[in-house]
C-alpha atoms as a PDB file:
ATOM      1  CA  UNK A   1      65.379 171.333  79.225  1.00  0.00           C
ATOM      2  CA  UNK A   2      62.685 172.536  77.250  1.00  0.00           C
ATOM      3  CA  UNK A   3      63.120 171.463  73.537  1.00  0.00           C
ATOM      4  CA  UNK A   4      61.661 172.722  70.162  1.00  0.00           C
ATOM      5  CA  UNK A   5      62.025 171.631  66.813  1.00  0.00           C
ATOM      6  CA  UNK A   6      61.836 173.656  63.730  1.00  0.00           C
ATOM      7  CA  UNK A   7      60.865 172.440  60.258  1.00  0.00           C
ATOM      8  CA  UNK A   8      61.704 174.650  57.223  1.00  0.00           C
ATOM      9  CA  UNK A   9      62.648 173.901  53.900  1.00  0.00           C
ATOM     10  CA  UNK A  10      64.831 177.099  53.804  1.00  0.00           C
ATOM     11  CA  UNK A  11      68.448 176.388  55.351  1.00  0.00           C
ATOM     12  CA  UNK A  12      71.738 176.829  54.859  1.00  0.00           C
ATOM     13  CA  UNK A  13      73.665 177.448  52.094  1.00  0.00           C
ATOM     14  CA  UNK A  14      70.424 179.395  50.785  1.00  0.00           C
ATOM     15  CA  UNK A  15      71.512 182.921  51.828  1.00  0.00           C
ATOM     16  CA  UNK A  16      67.817 184.813  52.887  1.00  0.00           C
ATOM     17  CA  UNK A  17      65.869 186.601  55.227  1.00  0.00           C
ATOM     18  CA  UNK A  18      63.958 183.049  55.875  1.00  0.00           C
ATOM     19  CA  UNK A  19      66.800 181.193  57.145  1.00  0.00           C
ATOM     20  CA  UNK A  20      69.047 184.229  58.882  1.00  0.00           C
ATOM     21  CA  UNK A  21      65.807 184.871  61.371  1.00  0.00           C
ATOM     22  CA  UNK A  22      65.475 180.754  61.947  1.00  0.00           C
ATOM     23  CA  UNK A  23      68.880 180.746  62.814  1.00  0.00           C
ATOM     24  CA  UNK A  24      69.305 183.611  64.675  1.00  0.00           C
ATOM     25  CA  UNK A  25      65.913 183.389  66.807  1.00  0.00           C
ATOM     26  CA  UNK A  26      67.277 179.856  67.630  1.00  0.00           C
ATOM     27  CA  UNK A  27      70.773 180.746  68.881  1.00  0.00           C
ATOM     28  CA  UNK A  28      68.800 183.144  70.910  1.00  0.00           C
ATOM     29  CA  UNK A  29      66.507 180.923  72.500  1.00  0.00           C
ATOM     30  CA  UNK A  30      69.284 178.714  73.210  1.00  0.00           C
ATOM     31  CA  UNK A  31      70.641 180.962  75.459  1.00  0.00           C
ATOM     32  CA  UNK A  32      67.415 181.152  77.269  1.00  0.00           C
ATOM     33  CA  UNK A  33      68.047 177.345  77.958  1.00  0.00           C
ATOM     34  CA  UNK A  34      65.911 176.052  74.628  1.00  0.00           C
ATOM     35  CA  UNK A  35      67.203 173.317  73.103  1.00  0.00           C
ATOM     36  CA  UNK A  36      66.653 173.956  70.064  1.00  0.00           C
ATOM     37  CA  UNK A  37      66.853 171.739  66.807  1.00  0.00           C
ATOM     38  CA  UNK A  38      66.351 172.187  62.758  1.00  0.00           C
ATOM     39  CA  UNK A  39      64.583 169.191  60.570  1.00  0.00           C
ATOM     40  CA  UNK A  40      65.555 170.652  57.013  1.00  0.00           C
ATOM     41  CA  UNK A  41      66.774 169.400  53.714  1.00  0.00           C
ATOM     42  CA  UNK A  42      70.445 168.496  54.659  1.00  0.00           C
ATOM     43  CA  UNK A  43      68.925 165.391  55.707  1.00  0.00           C
ATOM     44  CA  UNK A  44      67.555 164.188  52.072  1.00  0.00           C
ATOM     45  CA  UNK A  45      68.135 164.224  48.285  1.00  0.00           C
ATOM     46  CA  UNK A  46      67.062 167.447  46.820  1.00  0.00           C
ATOM     47  CA  UNK A  47      66.352 168.960  43.024  1.00  0.00           C
ATOM     48  CA  UNK A  48      66.430 172.126  42.312  1.00  0.00           C
ATOM     49  CA  UNK A  49      62.981 174.539  42.256  1.00  0.00           C
ATOM     50  CA  UNK A  50      61.781 175.249  38.657  1.00  0.00           C
ATOM     51  CA  UNK A  51      62.804 178.424  37.935  1.00  0.00           C
ATOM     52  CA  UNK A  52      64.628 179.112  41.001  1.00  0.00           C
ATOM     53  CA  UNK A  53      67.535 176.445  41.026  1.00  0.00           C
ATOM     54  CA  UNK A  54      69.059 178.373  44.336  1.00  0.00           C
ATOM     55  CA  UNK A  55      66.261 176.434  45.838  1.00  0.00           C
ATOM     56  CA  UNK A  56      66.372 172.933  46.688  1.00  0.00           C
ATOM     57  CA  UNK A  57      63.321 171.041  47.493  1.00  0.00           C
ATOM     58  CA  UNK A  58      63.461 168.147  49.449  1.00  0.00           C
ATOM     59  CA  UNK A  59      63.214 164.671  48.243  1.00  0.00           C
ATOM     60  CA  UNK A  60      61.882 162.789  52.002  1.00  0.00           C
ATOM     61  CA  UNK A  61      60.504 159.860  51.679  1.00  0.00           C
ATOM     62  CA  UNK A  62      57.080 159.573  52.707  1.00  0.00           C
ATOM     63  CA  UNK A  63      57.093 158.959  56.463  1.00  0.00           C
ATOM     64  CA  UNK A  64      60.480 159.960  56.529  1.00  0.00           C
ATOM     65  CA  UNK A  65      59.690 163.254  58.408  1.00  0.00           C
ATOM     66  CA  UNK A  66      56.967 161.383  60.746  1.00  0.00           C
ATOM     67  CA  UNK A  67      59.936 159.175  62.145  1.00  0.00           C
ATOM     68  CA  UNK A  68      62.207 162.083  62.546  1.00  0.00           C
ATOM     69  CA  UNK A  69      59.931 163.946  65.070  1.00  0.00           C
ATOM     70  CA  UNK A  70      59.019 160.452  66.292  1.00  0.00           C
ATOM     71  CA  UNK A  71      62.112 160.012  67.869  1.00  0.00           C
ATOM     72  CA  UNK A  72      63.000 163.592  68.819  1.00  0.00           C
ATOM     73  CA  UNK A  73      59.535 164.150  70.698  1.00  0.00           C
ATOM     74  CA  UNK A  74      60.150 167.675  70.902  1.00  0.00           C
ATOM     75  CA  UNK A  75      58.271 169.702  73.528  1.00  0.00           C
ATOM     76  CA  UNK A  76      57.022 172.255  71.090  1.00  0.00           C
ATOM     77  CA  UNK A  77      56.823 172.089  67.203  1.00  0.00           C
ATOM     78  CA  UNK A  78      57.666 175.373  64.573  1.00  0.00           C
ATOM     79  CA  UNK A  79      56.505 174.508  61.148  1.00  0.00           C
ATOM     80  CA  UNK A  80      58.502 177.379  59.301  1.00  0.00           C
ATOM     81  CA  UNK A  81      57.881 176.938  55.726  1.00  0.00           C
ATOM     82  CA  UNK A  82      54.983 175.552  52.727  1.00  0.00           C
ATOM     83  CA  UNK A  83      57.058 173.562  51.218  1.00  0.00           C
ATOM     84  CA  UNK A  84      57.964 169.579  51.181  1.00  0.00           C
ATOM     85  CA  UNK A  85      59.257 169.025  55.101  1.00  0.00           C
ATOM     86  CA  UNK A  86      56.560 171.532  55.844  1.00  0.00           C
ATOM     87  CA  UNK A  87      53.770 169.916  54.626  1.00  0.00           C
ATOM     88  CA  UNK A  88      54.902 166.169  56.003  1.00  0.00           C
ATOM     89  CA  UNK A  89      55.235 167.567  58.985  1.00  0.00           C
ATOM     90  CA  UNK A  90      51.889 169.430  59.037  1.00  0.00           C
ATOM     91  CA  UNK A  91      50.768 165.783  58.271  1.00  0.00           C
ATOM     92  CA  UNK A  92      51.826 164.509  61.066  1.00  0.00           C
ATOM     93  CA  UNK A  93      50.879 166.577  63.622  1.00  0.00           C
ATOM     94  CA  UNK A  94      47.381 166.723  62.619  1.00  0.00           C
ATOM     95  CA  UNK A  95      47.650 162.739  62.157  1.00  0.00           C
ATOM     96  CA  UNK A  96      48.829 162.682  66.109  1.00  0.00           C
ATOM     97  CA  UNK A  97      47.020 165.684  67.320  1.00  0.00           C
ATOM     98  CA  UNK A  98      49.847 167.650  67.807  1.00  0.00           C
ATOM     99  CA  UNK A  99      49.947 171.417  68.503  1.00  0.00           C
ATOM    100  CA  UNK A 100      51.930 173.922  66.445  1.00  0.00           C
ATOM    101  CA  UNK A 101      52.993 176.832  65.237  1.00  0.00           C
ATOM    102  CA  UNK A 102      53.491 178.063  61.283  1.00  0.00           C
ATOM    103  CA  UNK A 103      55.299 181.322  60.228  1.00  0.00           C
ATOM    104  CA  UNK A 104      54.415 182.986  57.050  1.00  0.00           C
ATOM    105  CA  UNK A 105      57.684 184.612  55.585  1.00  0.00           C
ATOM    106  CA  UNK A 106      57.068 184.750  52.066  1.00  0.00           C
ATOM    107  CA  UNK A 107      54.482 186.168  49.592  1.00  0.00           C
ATOM    108  CA  UNK A 108      54.361 183.125  47.420  1.00  0.00           C
ATOM    109  CA  UNK A 109      51.292 184.354  45.483  1.00  0.00           C
ATOM    110  CA  UNK A 110      52.856 187.778  44.657  1.00  0.00           C
ATOM    111  CA  UNK A 111      56.499 185.623  43.552  1.00  0.00           C
ATOM    112  CA  UNK A 112      54.480 183.240  41.516  1.00  0.00           C
ATOM    113  CA  UNK A 113      52.463 185.528  39.773  1.00  0.00           C
ATOM    114  CA  UNK A 114      55.471 187.309  38.582  1.00  0.00           C
ATOM    115  CA  UNK A 115      56.842 183.751  37.622  1.00  0.00           C
ATOM    116  CA  UNK A 116      53.716 182.223  35.457  1.00  0.00           C
ATOM    117  CA  UNK A 117      50.458 183.465  34.946  1.00  0.00           C
ATOM    118  CA  UNK A 118      48.381 181.845  37.892  1.00  0.00           C
ATOM    119  CA  UNK A 119      45.716 183.599  40.180  1.00  0.00           C
ATOM    120  CA  UNK A 120      47.356 184.903  43.363  1.00  0.00           C
ATOM    121  CA  UNK A 121      43.812 183.519  45.121  1.00  0.00           C
ATOM    122  CA  UNK A 122      44.823 180.092  44.163  1.00  0.00           C
ATOM    123  CA  UNK A 123      48.153 180.545  46.212  1.00  0.00           C
ATOM    124  CA  UNK A 124      46.183 181.929  48.839  1.00  0.00           C
ATOM    125  CA  UNK A 125      44.477 179.352  49.174  1.00  0.00           C
ATOM    126  CA  UNK A 126      46.388 177.073  49.592  1.00  0.00           C
ATOM    127  CA  UNK A 127      48.598 178.783  51.965  1.00  0.00           C
ATOM    128  CA  UNK A 128      45.368 179.391  54.234  1.00  0.00           C
ATOM    129  CA  UNK A 129      44.992 175.739  54.212  1.00  0.00           C
ATOM    130  CA  UNK A 130      48.199 175.315  55.299  1.00  0.00           C
ATOM    131  CA  UNK A 131      48.101 177.475  58.299  1.00  0.00           C
ATOM    132  CA  UNK A 132      44.646 176.770  59.645  1.00  0.00           C
ATOM    133  CA  UNK A 133      45.783 174.324  61.838  1.00  0.00           C
ATOM    134  CA  UNK A 134      48.172 175.917  63.656  1.00  0.00           C
ATOM    135  CA  UNK A 135      47.962 177.267  66.937  1.00  0.00           C
ATOM    136  CA  UNK A 136      49.148 180.632  65.609  1.00  0.00           C
ATOM    137  CA  UNK A 137      50.483 181.807  62.223  1.00  0.00           C
ATOM    138  CA  UNK A 138      53.417 184.369  63.459  1.00  0.00           C
ATOM    139  CA  UNK A 139      53.722 186.888  60.891  1.00  0.00           C
ATOM    140  CA  UNK A 140      56.372 189.499  60.375  1.00  0.00           C
ATOM    141  CA  UNK A 141      54.513 193.091  60.183  1.00  0.00           C
ATOM    142  CA  UNK A 142      50.881 194.397  60.972  1.00  0.00           C
ATOM    143  CA  UNK A 143      50.940 195.295  57.482  1.00  0.00           C
ATOM    144  CA  UNK A 144      50.973 191.755  56.333  1.00  0.00           C
ATOM    145  CA  UNK A 145      48.783 190.846  59.095  1.00  0.00           C
ATOM    146  CA  UNK A 146      45.957 192.943  57.774  1.00  0.00           C
ATOM    147  CA  UNK A 147      46.878 191.635  54.075  1.00  0.00           C
ATOM    148  CA  UNK A 148      46.052 188.226  54.980  1.00  0.00           C
ATOM    149  CA  UNK A 149      42.923 188.867  57.529  1.00  0.00           C
ATOM    150  CA  UNK A 150      41.387 190.080  54.195  1.00  0.00           C
ATOM    151  CA  UNK A 151      41.662 186.643  52.665  1.00  0.00           C
ATOM    152  CA  UNK A 152      40.287 184.945  55.683  1.00  0.00           C
ATOM    153  CA  UNK A 153      43.866 183.392  57.418  1.00  0.00           C
ATOM    154  CA  UNK A 154      43.031 183.444  61.356  1.00  0.00           C
ATOM    155  CA  UNK A 155      45.565 182.910  64.557  1.00  0.00           C
ATOM    156  CA  UNK A 156      47.884 185.172  63.250  1.00  0.00           C
ATOM    157  CA  UNK A 157      50.599 186.965  65.687  1.00  0.00           C
ATOM    158  CA  UNK A 158      53.267 189.168  65.501  1.00  0.00           C
ATOM    159  CA  UNK A 159      57.115 187.802  64.796  1.00  0.00           C
ATOM    160  CA  UNK A 160      59.492 190.856  64.408  1.00  0.00           C
ATOM    161  CA  UNK A 161      62.756 190.590  63.720  1.00  0.00           C
ATOM    162  CA  UNK A 162      66.087 191.593  64.367  1.00  0.00           C
ATOM    163  CA  UNK A 163      69.565 192.900  63.206  1.00  0.00           C
ATOM    164  CA  UNK A 164      73.294 192.457  64.627  1.00  0.00           C
ATOM    165  CA  UNK A 165      74.196 195.637  65.680  1.00  0.00           C
ATOM    166  CA  UNK A 166      77.851 195.143  66.796  1.00  0.00           C
ATOM    167  CA  UNK A 167      78.287 193.962  63.141  1.00  0.00           C
ATOM    168  CA  UNK A 168      76.466 196.522  61.115  1.00  0.00           C
ATOM    169  CA  UNK A 169      77.599 199.834  62.067  1.00  0.00           C
ATOM    170  CA  UNK A 170      78.201 202.887  61.010  1.00  0.00           C
ATOM    171  CA  UNK A 171      81.791 203.986  60.130  1.00  0.00           C
ATOM    172  CA  UNK A 172      83.806 205.976  57.164  1.00  0.00           C
ATOM    173  CA  UNK A 173      83.691 204.391  53.516  1.00  0.00           C
ATOM    174  CA  UNK A 174      86.093 201.810  52.795  1.00  0.00           C
ATOM    175  CA  UNK A 175      84.818 201.144  49.397  1.00  0.00           C
ATOM    176  CA  UNK A 176      83.778 202.905  46.332  1.00  0.00           C
ATOM    177  CA  UNK A 177      85.992 205.777  46.530  1.00  0.00           C
ATOM    178  CA  UNK A 178      86.620 205.472  43.146  1.00  0.00           C
ATOM    179  CA  UNK A 179      82.974 205.603  41.795  1.00  0.00           C
ATOM    180  CA  UNK A 180      81.028 208.448  41.218  1.00  0.00           C
ATOM    181  CA  UNK A 181      78.863 209.318  43.672  1.00  0.00           C
ATOM    182  CA  UNK A 182      76.206 209.145  45.264  1.00  0.00           C
ATOM    183  CA  UNK A 183      76.529 205.497  45.677  1.00  0.00           C
ATOM    184  CA  UNK A 184      73.244 204.052  45.951  1.00  0.00           C
ATOM    185  CA  UNK A 185      72.712 200.259  47.039  1.00  0.00           C
ATOM    186  CA  UNK A 186      70.605 197.284  46.976  1.00  0.00           C
ATOM    187  CA  UNK A 187      71.476 194.199  48.587  1.00  0.00           C
ATOM    188  CA  UNK A 188      69.402 191.095  48.132  1.00  0.00           C
ATOM    189  CA  UNK A 189      68.157 188.538  45.508  1.00  0.00           C
ATOM    190  CA  UNK A 190      68.916 189.528  42.273  1.00  0.00           C
ATOM    191  CA  UNK A 191      65.501 187.675  40.668  1.00  0.00           C
ATOM    192  CA  UNK A 192      62.174 189.466  39.251  1.00  0.00           C
ATOM    193  CA  UNK A 193      59.876 189.464  42.442  1.00  0.00           C
ATOM    194  CA  UNK A 194      62.649 191.896  43.860  1.00  0.00           C
ATOM    195  CA  UNK A 195      61.955 194.789  41.321  1.00  0.00           C
ATOM    196  CA  UNK A 196      65.865 195.316  40.896  1.00  0.00           C
ATOM    197  CA  UNK A 197      65.008 196.860  37.109  1.00  0.00           C
ATOM    198  CA  UNK A 198      63.247 199.859  39.024  1.00  0.00           C
ATOM    199  CA  UNK A 199      66.529 200.419  41.289  1.00  0.00           C
ATOM    200  CA  UNK A 200      68.818 200.184  38.027  1.00  0.00           C
ATOM    201  CA  UNK A 201      66.573 202.459  35.588  1.00  0.00           C
ATOM    202  CA  UNK A 202      66.549 205.491  38.734  1.00  0.00           C
ATOM    203  CA  UNK A 203      67.348 208.736  36.983  1.00  0.00           C
ATOM    204  CA  UNK A 204      69.496 210.021  40.207  1.00  0.00           C
ATOM    205  CA  UNK A 205      73.418 210.633  39.442  1.00  0.00           C
ATOM    206  CA  UNK A 206      75.835 208.735  41.017  1.00  0.00           C
ATOM    207  CA  UNK A 207      76.546 204.505  40.757  1.00  0.00           C
ATOM    208  CA  UNK A 208      74.228 201.794  41.266  1.00  0.00           C
ATOM    209  CA  UNK A 209      75.827 199.196  42.935  1.00  0.00           C
ATOM    210  CA  UNK A 210      73.847 195.371  43.600  1.00  0.00           C
ATOM    211  CA  UNK A 211      75.394 193.138  46.122  1.00  0.00           C
ATOM    212  CA  UNK A 212      73.961 189.552  45.448  1.00  0.00           C
ATOM    213  CA  UNK A 213      73.071 186.913  43.139  1.00  0.00           C
ATOM    214  CA  UNK A 214      70.109 185.253  41.432  1.00  0.00           C
ATOM    215  CA  UNK A 215      68.418 183.976  38.359  1.00  0.00           C
ATOM    216  CA  UNK A 216      68.395 187.500  37.050  1.00  0.00           C
ATOM    217  CA  UNK A 217      72.105 188.626  36.944  1.00  0.00           C
ATOM    218  CA  UNK A 218      73.192 187.713  34.151  1.00  0.00           C
ATOM    219  CA  UNK A 219      70.195 190.247  32.289  1.00  0.00           C
ATOM    220  CA  UNK A 220      70.829 193.133  33.752  1.00  0.00           C
ATOM    221  CA  UNK A 221      74.402 192.875  34.303  1.00  0.00           C
ATOM    222  CA  UNK A 222      74.033 192.959  30.316  1.00  0.00           C
ATOM    223  CA  UNK A 223      70.992 195.930  30.188  1.00  0.00           C
ATOM    224  CA  UNK A 224      72.710 197.742  32.693  1.00  0.00           C
ATOM    225  CA  UNK A 225      76.436 198.115  31.999  1.00  0.00           C
ATOM    226  CA  UNK A 226      77.059 201.187  33.889  1.00  0.00           C
ATOM    227  CA  UNK A 227      76.038 199.880  37.394  1.00  0.00           C
ATOM    228  CA  UNK A 228      78.576 197.605  39.440  1.00  0.00           C
ATOM    229  CA  UNK A 229      77.495 193.900  40.469  1.00  0.00           C
ATOM    230  CA  UNK A 230      79.654 193.113  43.296  1.00  0.00           C
ATOM    231  CA  UNK A 231      77.617 189.222  43.818  1.00  0.00           C
ATOM    232  CA  UNK A 232      77.467 187.594  47.120  1.00  0.00           C
ATOM    233  CA  UNK A 233      79.246 189.271  49.908  1.00  0.00           C
ATOM    234  CA  UNK A 234      79.328 188.051  53.526  1.00  0.00           C
ATOM    235  CA  UNK A 235      80.210 188.864  57.482  1.00  0.00           C
ATOM    236  CA  UNK A 236      82.627 192.219  57.699  1.00  0.00           C
ATOM    237  CA  UNK A 237      82.571 192.459  53.768  1.00  0.00           C
ATOM    238  CA  UNK A 238      79.024 192.963  53.568  1.00  0.00           C
ATOM    239  CA  UNK A 239      79.118 195.630  56.504  1.00  0.00           C
ATOM    240  CA  UNK A 240      81.773 197.432  55.141  1.00  0.00           C
ATOM    241  CA  UNK A 241      79.534 197.839  51.583  1.00  0.00           C
ATOM    242  CA  UNK A 242      76.588 198.824  53.669  1.00  0.00           C
ATOM    243  CA  UNK A 243      78.879 201.806  55.371  1.00  0.00           C
ATOM    244  CA  UNK A 244      80.136 203.203  52.185  1.00  0.00           C
ATOM    245  CA  UNK A 245      76.789 203.629  50.725  1.00  0.00           C
ATOM    246  CA  UNK A 246      75.585 206.648  50.784  1.00  0.00           C
ATOM    247  CA  UNK A 247      71.367 205.471  50.443  1.00  0.00           C
ATOM    248  CA  UNK A 248      70.059 202.112  50.572  1.00  0.00           C
ATOM    249  CA  UNK A 249      67.381 201.462  48.169  1.00  0.00           C
ATOM    250  CA  UNK A 250      65.318 198.914  48.350  1.00  0.00           C
ATOM    251  CA  UNK A 251      62.810 198.212  45.674  1.00  0.00           C
ATOM    252  CA  UNK A 252      60.735 195.264  46.076  1.00  0.00           C
ATOM    253  CA  UNK A 253      57.054 195.604  46.617  1.00  0.00           C
ATOM    254  CA  UNK A 254      56.593 191.569  47.235  1.00  0.00           C
ATOM    255  CA  UNK A 255      58.880 191.273  50.932  1.00  0.00           C
ATOM    256  CA  UNK A 256      56.913 190.675  53.814  1.00  0.00           C
ATOM    257  CA  UNK A 257      59.697 192.189  56.005  1.00  0.00           C
ATOM    258  CA  UNK A 258      63.436 193.137  54.690  1.00  0.00           C
ATOM    259  CA  UNK A 259      65.791 192.354  56.708  1.00  0.00           C
ATOM    260  CA  UNK A 260      68.281 194.067  54.549  1.00  0.00           C
ATOM    261  CA  UNK A 261      66.454 196.815  55.106  1.00  0.00           C
ATOM    262  CA  UNK A 262      67.719 197.097  59.366  1.00  0.00           C
ATOM    263  CA  UNK A 263      70.817 196.025  58.398  1.00  0.00           C
ATOM    264  CA  UNK A 264      71.419 199.231  56.091  1.00  0.00           C
ATOM    265  CA  UNK A 265      69.688 201.145  58.877  1.00  0.00           C
ATOM    266  CA  UNK A 266      71.892 199.519  61.471  1.00  0.00           C
ATOM    267  CA  UNK A 267      74.909 200.657  59.439  1.00  0.00           C
ATOM    268  CA  UNK A 268      74.059 204.129  59.482  1.00  0.00           C
ATOM    269  CA  UNK A 269      72.163 204.518  55.893  1.00  0.00           C
ATOM    270  CA  UNK A 270      68.984 205.824  55.348  1.00  0.00           C
ATOM    271  CA  UNK A 271      66.827 203.950  52.846  1.00  0.00           C
ATOM    272  CA  UNK A 272      64.767 204.369  50.235  1.00  0.00           C
ATOM    273  CA  UNK A 273      61.838 202.472  49.394  1.00  0.00           C
ATOM    274  CA  UNK A 274      57.989 202.492  48.017  1.00  0.00           C
ATOM    275  CA  UNK A 275      55.077 202.698  50.684  1.00  0.00           C
ATOM    276  CA  UNK A 276      54.818 199.228  50.504  1.00  0.00           C
ATOM    277  CA  UNK A 277      54.097 195.928  53.241  1.00  0.00           C
ATOM    278  CA  UNK A 278      57.570 195.879  55.199  1.00  0.00           C
ATOM    279  CA  UNK A 279      59.245 199.108  54.873  1.00  0.00           C
ATOM    280  CA  UNK A 280      55.691 200.922  56.007  1.00  0.00           C
ATOM    281  CA  UNK A 281      56.429 198.998  58.891  1.00  0.00           C
ATOM    282  CA  UNK A 282      60.300 200.063  59.481  1.00  0.00           C
ATOM    283  CA  UNK A 283      60.605 202.983  58.073  1.00  0.00           C
ATOM    284  CA  UNK A 284      57.996 204.377  61.018  1.00  0.00           C
ATOM    285  CA  UNK A 285      60.412 207.884  61.471  1.00  0.00           C
ATOM    286  CA  UNK A 286      61.242 210.340  58.906  1.00  0.00           C
ATOM    287  CA  UNK A 287      65.341 210.736  59.831  1.00  0.00           C
ATOM    288  CA  UNK A 288      65.674 206.705  58.967  1.00  0.00           C
ATOM    289  CA  UNK A 289      64.104 206.661  55.478  1.00  0.00           C
ATOM    290  CA  UNK A 290      61.625 207.939  52.507  1.00  0.00           C
ATOM    291  CA  UNK A 291      58.865 206.368  50.995  1.00  0.00           C
ATOM    292  CA  UNK A 292      57.454 207.456  47.859  1.00  0.00           C
ATOM    293  CA  UNK A 293      55.618 205.879  44.899  1.00  0.00           C
ATOM    294  CA  UNK A 294      58.198 207.558  42.800  1.00  0.00           C
ATOM    295  CA  UNK A 295      61.548 205.778  43.555  1.00  0.00           C
ATOM    296  CA  UNK A 296      63.896 208.488  42.583  1.00  0.00           C
ATOM    297  CA  UNK A 297      62.385 211.372  44.571  1.00  0.00           C
ATOM    298  CA  UNK A 298      62.555 209.094  47.556  1.00  0.00           C
ATOM    299  CA  UNK A 299      66.396 208.449  46.963  1.00  0.00           C
ATOM    300  CA  UNK A 300      66.303 212.561  47.064  1.00  0.00           C
ATOM    301  CA  UNK A 301      64.957 212.615  50.143  1.00  0.00           C
ATOM    302  CA  UNK A 302      66.765 209.480  51.938  1.00  0.00           C
ATOM    303  CA  UNK A 303      70.740 211.223  50.775  1.00  0.00           C
ATOM    304  CA  UNK A 304      69.132 214.320  52.758  1.00  0.00           C
ATOM    305  CA  UNK A 305      68.970 212.258  55.751  1.00  0.00           C
ATOM    306  CA  UNK A 306      71.426 211.958  58.818  1.00  0.00           C
ATOM    307  CA  UNK A 307      72.857 208.950  59.315  1.00  0.00           C
ATOM    308  CA  UNK A 308      72.756 209.073  63.395  1.00  0.00           C
ATOM    309  CA  UNK A 309      68.509 208.987  62.494  1.00  0.00           C
ATOM    310  CA  UNK A 310      69.164 205.758  60.681  1.00  0.00           C
ATOM    311  CA  UNK A 311      71.178 204.213  63.480  1.00  0.00           C
ATOM    312  CA  UNK A 312      68.958 205.168  66.161  1.00  0.00           C
ATOM    313  CA  UNK A 313      65.969 203.669  64.597  1.00  0.00           C
ATOM    314  CA  UNK A 314      67.697 200.352  63.936  1.00  0.00           C
ATOM    315  CA  UNK A 315      68.519 199.948  67.149  1.00  0.00           C
ATOM    316  CA  UNK A 316      64.966 199.594  67.795  1.00  0.00           C
ATOM    317  CA  UNK A 317      64.780 196.401  66.209  1.00  0.00           C
ATOM    318  CA  UNK A 318      66.721 193.542  68.394  1.00  0.00           C
ATOM    319  CA  UNK A 319      66.448 189.667  68.017  1.00  0.00           C
ATOM    320  CA  UNK A 320      66.274 189.301  72.025  1.00  0.00           C
ATOM    321  CA  UNK A 321      62.896 191.383  70.853  1.00  0.00           C
ATOM    322  CA  UNK A 322      61.902 189.316  68.409  1.00  0.00           C
ATOM    323  CA  UNK A 323      62.530 186.178  70.140  1.00  0.00           C
ATOM    324  CA  UNK A 324      60.803 186.642  72.612  1.00  0.00           C
ATOM    325  CA  UNK A 325      57.797 187.225  70.457  1.00  0.00           C
ATOM    326  CA  UNK A 326      58.195 184.170  69.073  1.00  0.00           C
ATOM    327  CA  UNK A 327      58.963 182.139  72.490  1.00  0.00           C
ATOM    328  CA  UNK A 328      55.179 183.731  73.822  1.00  0.00           C
ATOM    329  CA  UNK A 329      53.373 182.277  70.575  1.00  0.00           C
ATOM    330  CA  UNK A 330      54.863 178.485  71.107  1.00  0.00           C
ATOM    331  CA  UNK A 331      52.174 175.884  72.516  1.00  0.00           C
ATOM    332  CA  UNK A 332      53.580 172.479  74.116  1.00  0.00           C
ATOM    333  CA  UNK A 333      53.024 169.594  71.244  1.00  0.00           C
ATOM    334  CA  UNK A 334      50.250 167.701  73.910  1.00  0.00           C
ATOM    335  CA  UNK A 335      47.581 170.834  73.923  1.00  0.00           C
ATOM    336  CA  UNK A 336      45.898 169.827  71.222  1.00  0.00           C
ATOM    337  CA  UNK A 337      45.619 166.149  72.324  1.00  0.00           C
ATOM    338  CA  UNK A 338      44.375 168.127  75.644  1.00  0.00           C
ATOM    339  CA  UNK A 339      41.628 170.197  73.917  1.00  0.00           C
ATOM    340  CA  UNK A 340      40.681 167.100  72.347  1.00  0.00           C
ATOM    341  CA  UNK A 341      40.196 164.646  75.856  1.00  0.00           C
END
């Protein structure tokens, strides 16, 4: 059985697109006969990330990652994140001459600059160095490929995302009956880089509903008392909230993809977003959503779109297809040694 080790600094109990994507693709590969293991912060002491305590940074002793990988002896290694575990894994692979792949999930230059006055090129320099040794760097959309190529990243390959259409599907509204319509929904982290405030400042009539948690939640709750903040939701309850919305609003300008966008589409809910990387790549069918630099205008158009158009477009995004893209980029760990020989 072919074995794959995925090294990731992002893992449960975090709830985000990185964790969900790695988990979903791992399960899909296991169905294809792979043995998939994860090297995650669960094995080590962790500390909260400054300004973002929900994310825990691993305090892995020097050599711990090396020893674990050596014992596992996987056929393939994928380094998913650029944090402490990913860094140790990279050093080990370089030391031993092992081939590996990486993935680019998060636009950290934009995330960092939204919090502290650090030039984005400094962050890009680190990320470019981190991914430079990989046989391939997996990137979710063509827009992000183009962006990274402008910053001189190499060996870029597309790895798209999928959606569970059995969980997220159209149906009758079960929520929000007591709230003025239309019902505008946001799902995701409540943090400054997600631009949730732009959603809450919309002039569109109706009710703005926020599902999610994050460091900006107390501030926005106080600033926008007319909005409805439901906190974190998962599973069938989250699916029911999607189905009950009239339009899904995705205000982020920093995401690389936006898994929540295709979850909304699968639920039959048209999407309104800015014309930026992620939405630009997903909302290629005008019946699925509306893109506009004026988010109110995008919402107005999205509210006129048919729900079946959103669902049909979502069915193009499958985890089976995403897993095949991921699998096709993998390289045997011995490939680098063979080239050196």
